[in-house]
């Protein structure tokens, strides 16, 4: 039996993209880069084969291209933190296939709930879908993964970097290691 192969995507390029408006030392791009490296090591230690969409933090690839990097993989996971205009919003959300391809909603919901429990978010984790005007996947990375036949693909928003508690949690390297 071959290993399960996972493609990880650190959601944004560079070390200073998408600064938090509530904790100025937080940049989404730096957090997701660190998180994807930790997740890669943990998955590999458990026997998974893991590839990443980019070789270094400064490599800028289009979102669709990052999704297509998952060709031949069993799963694609893009890591992010969300933002909104309300400080009190604090929950992880996993965006998954709009048509529940491969029955992914069950896995996505389990991941969202576990991330919320681990982070101690104010609201429970949830799943969501989003379609574009043509009726396909809204997010380019998810469109790309779907286009190359990756059976399971998701975009994980690790709560909101517009929430002070969530942002402070995401800033701690020890928390990301969890």
Protein backbone atom coordinates (compact mmCIF):
# COMPACT_ATOMS: atom_id res chain seq x y z
CA UNK A 1 0.00 0.00 0.00
CA UNK A 2 1.37 3.45 -0.87
CA UNK A 3 1.58 6.31 1.59
CA UNK A 4 -1.14 8.91 1.81
CA UNK A 5 0.24 12.01 0.08
CA UNK A 6 -0.71 15.48 1.34
CA UNK A 7 0.04 18.86 -0.22
CA UNK A 8 0.35 21.73 2.28
CA UNK A 9 -0.02 25.35 1.29
CA UNK A 10 1.17 28.25 3.45
CA UNK A 11 -1.57 30.66 2.45
CA UNK A 12 0.37 33.83 1.65
CA UNK A 13 3.78 34.86 0.36
CA UNK A 14 6.42 36.78 2.31
CA UNK A 15 6.87 37.45 5.99
CA UNK A 16 4.83 40.63 6.32
CA UNK A 17 1.56 40.07 4.46
CA UNK A 18 -1.85 40.60 6.07
CA UNK A 19 -1.00 42.38 9.30
CA UNK A 20 -3.46 42.10 12.16
CA UNK A 21 -5.18 45.40 12.97
CA UNK A 22 -5.39 44.45 16.67
CA UNK A 23 -1.92 42.94 17.29
CA UNK A 24 0.53 44.77 15.04
CA UNK A 25 3.31 42.16 15.38
CA UNK A 26 1.14 39.52 13.71
CA UNK A 27 1.34 38.83 9.99
CA UNK A 28 -0.76 36.02 8.55
CA UNK A 29 1.94 35.06 6.04
CA UNK A 30 4.58 34.52 8.74
CA UNK A 31 2.21 32.48 10.92
CA UNK A 32 1.05 30.15 8.14
CA UNK A 33 4.62 29.62 6.96
CA UNK A 34 5.69 28.53 10.45
CA UNK A 35 2.55 26.45 10.92
CA UNK A 36 2.89 24.58 7.62
CA UNK A 37 6.48 23.60 8.44
CA UNK A 38 5.42 22.26 11.85
CA UNK A 39 2.45 20.42 10.35
CA UNK A 40 4.65 18.93 7.62
CA UNK A 41 7.08 17.54 10.20
CA UNK A 42 4.25 16.11 12.34
CA UNK A 43 2.52 14.46 9.39
CA UNK A 44 5.77 12.96 8.11
CA UNK A 45 6.55 11.58 11.57
CA UNK A 46 3.20 9.76 11.36
CA UNK A 47 4.02 8.15 8.01
CA UNK A 48 2.40 10.56 5.56
CA UNK A 49 4.19 11.77 2.45
CA UNK A 50 4.02 15.57 2.42
CA UNK A 51 4.81 18.11 -0.27
CA UNK A 52 4.46 21.88 -0.09
CA UNK A 53 3.34 24.39 -2.68
CA UNK A 54 6.39 26.61 -2.22
CA UNK A 55 10.07 25.98 -1.43
CA UNK A 56 10.56 29.21 0.54
CA UNK A 57 8.52 32.00 2.11
CA UNK A 58 9.37 34.45 -0.68
CA UNK A 59 8.25 32.37 -3.66
CA UNK A 60 5.12 33.98 -5.10
CA UNK A 61 2.80 31.62 -6.96
CA UNK A 62 -0.73 32.26 -8.14
CA UNK A 63 -3.52 30.78 -6.05
CA UNK A 64 -4.74 28.45 -8.80
CA UNK A 65 -1.16 27.25 -9.40
CA UNK A 66 -0.76 26.50 -5.68
CA UNK A 67 -3.87 24.32 -5.83
CA UNK A 68 -2.68 22.47 -8.92
CA UNK A 69 0.56 21.60 -7.07
CA UNK A 70 -1.55 18.94 -5.34
CA UNK A 71 -1.80 16.83 -8.51
CA UNK A 72 -1.34 13.20 -7.51
CA UNK A 73 -2.00 13.90 -3.84
CA UNK A 74 -4.76 12.44 -1.69
CA UNK A 75 -5.39 15.78 0.04
CA UNK A 76 -4.66 19.50 -0.26
CA UNK A 77 -4.69 21.79 2.78
CA UNK A 78 -4.27 25.57 2.56
CA UNK A 79 -3.56 27.28 5.90
CA UNK A 80 -4.83 30.76 6.83
CA UNK A 81 -6.26 33.04 9.49
CA UNK A 82 -9.39 35.03 8.75
CA UNK A 83 -10.36 38.68 9.20
CA UNK A 84 -13.52 40.68 9.66
CA UNK A 85 -14.60 44.02 11.07
CA UNK A 86 -15.78 42.68 14.43
CA UNK A 87 -13.37 41.94 17.31
CA UNK A 88 -15.72 39.44 18.97
CA UNK A 89 -15.77 36.98 16.05
CA UNK A 90 -13.56 34.04 17.08
CA UNK A 91 -13.99 30.65 15.41
CA UNK A 92 -12.08 28.45 12.97
CA UNK A 93 -13.73 27.66 9.67
CA UNK A 94 -12.78 25.03 7.13
CA UNK A 95 -13.83 25.79 3.57
CA UNK A 96 -14.36 22.56 1.68
CA UNK A 97 -15.74 21.29 -1.63
CA UNK A 98 -19.05 23.05 -2.33
CA UNK A 99 -20.66 19.73 -3.32
CA UNK A 100 -19.17 17.74 -0.42
CA UNK A 101 -16.93 15.84 -2.86
CA UNK A 102 -15.48 12.71 -1.19
CA UNK A 103 -17.77 13.31 1.80
CA UNK A 104 -15.23 15.88 3.02
CA UNK A 105 -17.66 17.77 5.29
CA UNK A 106 -17.33 15.22 8.12
CA UNK A 107 -13.53 15.46 8.16
CA UNK A 108 -13.58 19.25 7.70
CA UNK A 109 -15.99 19.71 10.61
CA UNK A 110 -13.89 17.48 12.86
CA UNK A 111 -10.78 19.53 12.02
CA UNK A 112 -12.60 22.84 12.59
CA UNK A 113 -13.92 21.71 15.98
CA UNK A 114 -10.51 20.39 17.09
CA UNK A 115 -8.76 23.61 16.06
CA UNK A 116 -11.36 25.61 18.01
CA UNK A 117 -10.95 23.44 21.09
CA UNK A 118 -7.17 23.67 20.92
CA UNK A 119 -7.22 27.44 20.46
CA UNK A 120 -9.98 27.95 23.02
CA UNK A 121 -12.03 30.04 20.59
CA UNK A 122 -15.19 31.79 21.76
CA UNK A 123 -17.33 30.13 19.09
CA UNK A 124 -17.20 26.53 17.85
CA UNK A 125 -15.44 25.59 14.64
CA UNK A 126 -17.53 25.11 11.51
CA UNK A 127 -17.35 24.35 7.83
CA UNK A 128 -18.38 26.51 4.93
CA UNK A 129 -18.50 26.53 1.16
CA UNK A 130 -18.31 29.37 -1.30
CA UNK A 131 -19.09 29.34 -5.01
CA UNK A 132 -17.94 31.79 -7.62
CA UNK A 133 -20.29 33.41 -10.14
CA UNK A 134 -19.79 30.47 -12.52
CA UNK A 135 -20.94 28.01 -9.85
CA UNK A 136 -17.48 26.55 -9.14
CA UNK A 137 -15.12 26.88 -6.21
CA UNK A 138 -14.64 30.51 -5.15
CA UNK A 139 -11.11 30.13 -3.77
CA UNK A 140 -8.46 29.75 -6.46
CA UNK A 141 -6.44 27.21 -4.47
CA UNK A 142 -9.52 25.00 -4.13
CA UNK A 143 -10.37 25.42 -7.83
CA UNK A 144 -6.83 24.37 -8.70
CA UNK A 145 -6.90 21.30 -6.45
CA UNK A 146 -10.26 20.23 -7.85
CA UNK A 147 -9.07 20.75 -11.44
CA UNK A 148 -6.22 18.26 -11.01
CA UNK A 149 -8.46 15.66 -9.35
CA UNK A 150 -7.32 15.97 -5.73
CA UNK A 151 -10.12 14.12 -3.93
CA UNK A 152 -9.96 16.02 -0.62
CA UNK A 153 -9.17 19.71 -0.49
CA UNK A 154 -9.77 22.37 2.10
CA UNK A 155 -8.79 25.83 3.23
CA UNK A 156 -8.46 26.15 7.01
CA UNK A 157 -8.98 29.56 8.62
CA UNK A 158 -7.43 29.39 12.11
CA UNK A 159 -9.94 31.82 13.61
CA UNK A 160 -9.67 35.57 13.01
CA UNK A 161 -6.59 37.76 13.27
CA UNK A 162 -8.99 40.61 13.96
CA UNK A 163 -9.66 39.00 17.37
CA UNK A 164 -7.00 39.84 19.98
CA UNK A 165 -7.15 36.53 21.87
CA UNK A 166 -6.95 34.40 18.72
CA UNK A 167 -4.14 36.52 17.29
CA UNK A 168 -2.10 36.34 20.48
CA UNK A 169 -2.57 32.56 20.50
CA UNK A 170 -1.39 32.27 16.89
CA UNK A 171 1.69 34.38 17.64
CA UNK A 172 3.09 31.81 20.06
CA UNK A 173 5.35 29.23 18.43
CA UNK A 174 4.56 26.71 21.17
CA UNK A 175 0.86 26.98 20.33
CA UNK A 176 1.51 26.37 16.64
CA UNK A 177 3.48 23.27 17.60
CA UNK A 178 0.33 21.88 19.24
